[in-house]
Amino acid sequence: MTLSDALTALADPVRRTIVKELAGGPDWTRACGTFDLPVTKATRSHHFAVLRQAGVIEQRDMGSRRLNRLRRSEFDAAFPGLLDLVLDERRASPGDS
């Protein structure tokens, strides 16, 4: 897990949505198809692959479903505070201070 890979993975708003949703629930309860994302199935697969390769998530196949886990403790150990910033992200509009 490198900082560059982590930042690249978390730079995309779709991937941040996945991370935020995983952070809000128990490990291994969300299958890839249960996320309401504004992308095609192929693009969804790509986003999960980027997160997995960067070490942000872990995936486990259970029958026909691929379940996901946010690697919170591992990520926090490698990059303290970074995931908290992502999870606490607020949308700022131009001109906000």
N, C-alpha and C. Protein backbone atom coordinates (compact mmCIF):
# COMPACT_ATOMS: atom_id res chain seq x y z
N MET A 1 0.86 -1.17 0.00
CA MET A 1 0.00 0.00 0.00
C MET A 1 0.91 1.23 0.00
N THR A 2 0.80 2.02 -1.07
CA THR A 2 1.60 3.25 -1.14
C THR A 2 0.68 4.46 -1.03
N LEU A 3 1.24 5.57 -0.60
CA LEU A 3 0.45 6.79 -0.49
C LEU A 3 -0.06 7.21 -1.85
N SER A 4 0.76 7.10 -2.87
CA SER A 4 0.35 7.47 -4.22
C SER A 4 -0.86 6.65 -4.68
N ASP A 5 -0.82 5.33 -4.46
CA ASP A 5 -1.95 4.47 -4.85
C ASP A 5 -3.19 4.81 -4.04
N ALA A 6 -3.01 5.08 -2.75
CA ALA A 6 -4.15 5.42 -1.89
C ALA A 6 -4.79 6.72 -2.35
N LEU A 7 -3.98 7.73 -2.63
CA LEU A 7 -4.52 9.01 -3.06
C LEU A 7 -5.21 8.90 -4.42
N THR A 8 -4.64 8.13 -5.32
CA THR A 8 -5.26 7.91 -6.63
C THR A 8 -6.61 7.22 -6.46
N ALA A 9 -6.64 6.19 -5.61
CA ALA A 9 -7.88 5.46 -5.39
C ALA A 9 -8.96 6.34 -4.78
N LEU A 10 -8.58 7.21 -3.86
CA LEU A 10 -9.55 8.03 -3.15
C LEU A 10 -9.88 9.34 -3.87
N ALA A 11 -9.20 9.61 -4.97
CA ALA A 11 -9.44 10.85 -5.71
C ALA A 11 -10.77 10.84 -6.46
N ASP A 12 -11.26 9.67 -6.79
CA ASP A 12 -12.48 9.57 -7.60
C ASP A 12 -13.72 9.60 -6.70
N PRO A 13 -14.72 10.42 -7.05
CA PRO A 13 -15.92 10.52 -6.20
C PRO A 13 -16.72 9.22 -6.11
N VAL A 14 -16.73 8.41 -7.15
CA VAL A 14 -17.45 7.13 -7.09
C VAL A 14 -16.77 6.21 -6.08
N ARG A 15 -15.45 6.17 -6.11
CA ARG A 15 -14.73 5.32 -5.16
C ARG A 15 -14.88 5.84 -3.74
N ARG A 16 -14.92 7.15 -3.57
CA ARG A 16 -15.16 7.69 -2.21
C ARG A 16 -16.54 7.30 -1.72
N THR A 17 -17.52 7.26 -2.60
CA THR A 17 -18.86 6.81 -2.22
C THR A 17 -18.82 5.37 -1.73
N ILE A 18 -18.10 4.52 -2.44
CA ILE A 18 -17.97 3.12 -2.03
C ILE A 18 -17.34 3.03 -0.65
N VAL A 19 -16.26 3.77 -0.43
CA VAL A 19 -15.56 3.75 0.85
C VAL A 19 -16.48 4.23 1.97
N LYS A 20 -17.20 5.31 1.73
CA LYS A 20 -18.10 5.85 2.75
C LYS A 20 -19.21 4.86 3.10
N GLU A 21 -19.75 4.20 2.09
CA GLU A 21 -20.81 3.23 2.37
C GLU A 21 -20.27 2.02 3.12
N LEU A 22 -19.06 1.57 2.77
CA LEU A 22 -18.47 0.45 3.50
C LEU A 22 -18.17 0.83 4.94
N ALA A 23 -17.76 2.06 5.17
CA ALA A 23 -17.45 2.52 6.52
C ALA A 23 -18.69 2.56 7.40
N GLY A 24 -19.87 2.66 6.79
CA GLY A 24 -21.10 2.80 7.55
C GLY A 24 -21.74 1.49 7.95
N GLY A 25 -21.11 0.37 7.65
CA GLY A 25 -21.73 -0.92 7.98
C GLY A 25 -20.71 -1.95 8.40
N PRO A 26 -21.19 -3.12 8.82
CA PRO A 26 -20.29 -4.19 9.25
C PRO A 26 -19.51 -4.78 8.07
N ASP A 27 -18.35 -5.35 8.37
CA ASP A 27 -17.53 -6.00 7.35
C ASP A 27 -18.27 -7.16 6.72
N TRP A 28 -17.98 -7.37 5.46
CA TRP A 28 -18.44 -8.53 4.69
C TRP A 28 -19.96 -8.60 4.53
N THR A 29 -20.65 -7.48 4.57
CA THR A 29 -22.10 -7.50 4.39
C THR A 29 -22.55 -6.86 3.09
N ARG A 30 -21.66 -6.18 2.38
CA ARG A 30 -22.04 -5.48 1.15
C ARG A 30 -21.41 -6.14 -0.07
N ALA A 31 -22.25 -6.61 -0.96
CA ALA A 31 -21.80 -7.13 -2.24
C ALA A 31 -21.65 -5.98 -3.22
N CYS A 32 -20.81 -6.16 -4.21
CA CYS A 32 -20.55 -5.08 -5.18
C CYS A 32 -21.83 -4.57 -5.84
N GLY A 33 -22.76 -5.46 -6.14
CA GLY A 33 -23.98 -5.07 -6.82
C GLY A 33 -24.98 -4.32 -5.97
N THR A 34 -24.72 -4.18 -4.67
CA THR A 34 -25.68 -3.52 -3.79
C THR A 34 -25.44 -2.01 -3.67
N PHE A 35 -24.38 -1.52 -4.30
CA PHE A 35 -24.08 -0.09 -4.25
C PHE A 35 -24.82 0.62 -5.37
N ASP A 36 -25.51 1.70 -5.04
CA ASP A 36 -26.23 2.49 -6.03
C ASP A 36 -25.25 3.52 -6.61
N LEU A 37 -24.61 3.13 -7.70
CA LEU A 37 -23.59 3.98 -8.31
C LEU A 37 -24.02 4.38 -9.72
N PRO A 38 -23.69 5.60 -10.14
CA PRO A 38 -24.12 6.10 -11.45
C PRO A 38 -23.18 5.67 -12.58
N VAL A 39 -22.80 4.38 -12.59
CA VAL A 39 -21.86 3.87 -13.59
C VAL A 39 -22.32 2.50 -14.08
N THR A 40 -21.74 2.07 -15.20
CA THR A 40 -22.06 0.76 -15.74
C THR A 40 -21.44 -0.34 -14.87
N LYS A 41 -21.86 -1.58 -15.11
CA LYS A 41 -21.33 -2.71 -14.35
C LYS A 41 -19.82 -2.84 -14.56
N ALA A 42 -19.35 -2.65 -15.78
CA ALA A 42 -17.92 -2.74 -16.06
C ALA A 42 -17.14 -1.66 -15.34
N THR A 43 -17.67 -0.45 -15.33
CA THR A 43 -17.00 0.65 -14.64
C THR A 43 -17.02 0.43 -13.14
N ARG A 44 -18.11 -0.10 -12.63
CA ARG A 44 -18.21 -0.45 -11.20
C ARG A 44 -17.10 -1.44 -10.84
N SER A 45 -16.93 -2.46 -11.66
CA SER A 45 -15.88 -3.46 -11.42
C SER A 45 -14.51 -2.81 -11.41
N HIS A 46 -14.29 -1.89 -12.31
CA HIS A 46 -13.01 -1.17 -12.35
C HIS A 46 -12.77 -0.40 -11.06
N HIS A 47 -13.78 0.30 -10.56
CA HIS A 47 -13.63 1.08 -9.33
C HIS A 47 -13.30 0.18 -8.15
N PHE A 48 -13.96 -0.96 -8.05
CA PHE A 48 -13.66 -1.90 -6.96
C PHE A 48 -12.24 -2.44 -7.10
N ALA A 49 -11.81 -2.71 -8.32
CA ALA A 49 -10.45 -3.22 -8.55
C ALA A 49 -9.40 -2.20 -8.12
N VAL A 50 -9.63 -0.92 -8.45
CA VAL A 50 -8.68 0.13 -8.05
C VAL A 50 -8.58 0.20 -6.53
N LEU A 51 -9.71 0.17 -5.85
CA LEU A 51 -9.71 0.21 -4.39
C LEU A 51 -9.02 -1.01 -3.79
N ARG A 52 -9.26 -2.17 -4.38
CA ARG A 52 -8.63 -3.40 -3.89
C ARG A 52 -7.12 -3.37 -4.12
N GLN A 53 -6.69 -2.97 -5.31
CA GLN A 53 -5.26 -2.94 -5.62
C GLN A 53 -4.52 -1.91 -4.79
N ALA A 54 -5.19 -0.84 -4.40
CA ALA A 54 -4.57 0.19 -3.57
C ALA A 54 -4.52 -0.23 -2.10
N GLY A 55 -5.22 -1.31 -1.74
CA GLY A 55 -5.24 -1.77 -0.36
C GLY A 55 -6.29 -1.12 0.51
N VAL A 56 -7.22 -0.41 -0.12
CA VAL A 56 -8.27 0.28 0.64
C VAL A 56 -9.36 -0.70 1.06
N ILE A 57 -9.68 -1.65 0.19
CA ILE A 57 -10.70 -2.65 0.51
C ILE A 57 -10.14 -4.05 0.32
N GLU A 58 -10.83 -5.00 0.89
CA GLU A 58 -10.55 -6.42 0.70
C GLU A 58 -11.85 -7.05 0.19
N GLN A 59 -11.73 -8.03 -0.69
CA GLN A 59 -12.92 -8.67 -1.23
C GLN A 59 -12.85 -10.18 -0.99
N ARG A 60 -14.04 -10.77 -0.84
CA ARG A 60 -14.17 -12.21 -0.60
C ARG A 60 -15.36 -12.72 -1.42
N ASP A 61 -15.14 -13.76 -2.19
CA ASP A 61 -16.22 -14.36 -2.95
C ASP A 61 -17.01 -15.32 -2.07
N MET A 62 -18.35 -15.12 -2.07
CA MET A 62 -19.26 -15.99 -1.32
C MET A 62 -20.35 -16.42 -2.30
N GLY A 63 -20.19 -17.61 -2.87
CA GLY A 63 -21.13 -18.05 -3.89
C GLY A 63 -21.01 -17.15 -5.11
N SER A 64 -22.13 -16.60 -5.54
CA SER A 64 -22.12 -15.73 -6.72
C SER A 64 -21.91 -14.26 -6.35
N ARG A 65 -21.71 -13.99 -5.09
CA ARG A 65 -21.54 -12.59 -4.63
C ARG A 65 -20.10 -12.32 -4.24
N ARG A 66 -19.66 -11.10 -4.46
CA ARG A 66 -18.34 -10.66 -4.01
C ARG A 66 -18.57 -9.64 -2.90
N LEU A 67 -18.21 -10.04 -1.68
CA LEU A 67 -18.41 -9.19 -0.51
C LEU A 67 -17.18 -8.34 -0.25
N ASN A 68 -17.39 -7.21 0.39
CA ASN A 68 -16.33 -6.22 0.57
C ASN A 68 -16.14 -5.85 2.02
N ARG A 69 -14.90 -5.48 2.33
CA ARG A 69 -14.55 -5.01 3.67
C ARG A 69 -13.61 -3.82 3.50
N LEU A 70 -13.90 -2.74 4.19
CA LEU A 70 -12.99 -1.60 4.24
C LEU A 70 -11.84 -1.98 5.16
N ARG A 71 -10.62 -1.86 4.68
CA ARG A 71 -9.44 -2.22 5.48
C ARG A 71 -9.07 -1.04 6.38
N ARG A 72 -9.99 -0.67 7.23
CA ARG A 72 -9.87 0.53 8.05
C ARG A 72 -8.64 0.52 8.95
N SER A 73 -8.46 -0.52 9.72
CA SER A 73 -7.34 -0.53 10.67
C SER A 73 -6.00 -0.54 9.94
N GLU A 74 -5.90 -1.30 8.86
CA GLU A 74 -4.66 -1.35 8.09
C GLU A 74 -4.37 0.00 7.43
N PHE A 75 -5.41 0.60 6.89
CA PHE A 75 -5.26 1.89 6.21
C PHE A 75 -4.89 2.98 7.21
N ASP A 76 -5.56 2.98 8.36
CA ASP A 76 -5.26 3.97 9.40
C ASP A 76 -3.84 3.82 9.93
N ALA A 77 -3.35 2.59 10.02
CA ALA A 77 -1.97 2.37 10.48
C ALA A 77 -0.96 2.92 9.47
N ALA A 78 -1.26 2.75 8.19
CA ALA A 78 -0.35 3.22 7.15
C ALA A 78 -0.43 4.73 6.93
N PHE A 79 -1.65 5.27 6.99
CA PHE A 79 -1.87 6.69 6.70
C PHE A 79 -2.82 7.30 7.74
N PRO A 80 -2.31 7.54 8.94
CA PRO A 80 -3.17 8.04 10.03
C PRO A 80 -3.91 9.32 9.64
N GLY A 81 -5.23 9.29 9.83
CA GLY A 81 -6.05 10.47 9.60
C GLY A 81 -6.58 10.64 8.18
N LEU A 82 -5.97 9.99 7.20
CA LEU A 82 -6.39 10.19 5.82
C LEU A 82 -7.82 9.68 5.58
N LEU A 83 -8.11 8.50 6.07
CA LEU A 83 -9.46 7.97 5.87
C LEU A 83 -10.50 8.80 6.59
N ASP A 84 -10.15 9.32 7.75
CA ASP A 84 -11.08 10.20 8.48
C ASP A 84 -11.42 11.44 7.65
N LEU A 85 -10.42 11.99 6.97
CA LEU A 85 -10.66 13.15 6.10
C LEU A 85 -11.62 12.81 4.98
N VAL A 86 -11.46 11.64 4.40
CA VAL A 86 -12.34 11.20 3.31
C VAL A 86 -13.76 11.00 3.84
N LEU A 87 -13.88 10.36 4.99
CA LEU A 87 -15.20 10.07 5.54
C LEU A 87 -15.92 11.32 6.04
N ASP A 88 -15.16 12.33 6.43
CA ASP A 88 -15.75 13.58 6.92
C ASP A 88 -15.87 14.63 5.84
N GLU A 89 -15.57 14.26 4.61
CA GLU A 89 -15.60 15.21 3.50
C GLU A 89 -16.94 15.92 3.41
N ARG A 90 -16.86 17.20 3.29
CA ARG A 90 -18.07 18.01 3.09
C ARG A 90 -17.93 18.69 1.75
N ARG A 91 -19.02 18.83 1.08
CA ARG A 91 -19.00 19.50 -0.21
C ARG A 91 -18.96 21.01 0.02
N ALA A 92 -17.94 21.63 -0.47
CA ALA A 92 -17.82 23.09 -0.38
C ALA A 92 -18.14 23.69 -1.74
N SER A 93 -18.89 24.72 -1.73
CA SER A 93 -19.20 25.39 -2.99
C SER A 93 -18.23 26.54 -3.17
N PRO A 94 -18.03 26.97 -4.40
CA PRO A 94 -17.11 28.08 -4.64
C PRO A 94 -17.51 29.30 -3.79
N GLY A 95 -16.51 29.91 -3.21
CA GLY A 95 -16.77 31.09 -2.39
C GLY A 95 -16.95 30.80 -0.92
N ASP A 96 -17.10 29.49 -0.56
CA ASP A 96 -17.20 29.15 0.87
C ASP A 96 -15.83 29.34 1.50
N SER A 97 -15.82 29.73 2.77
CA SER A 97 -14.54 29.85 3.47
C SER A 97 -14.45 28.90 4.61
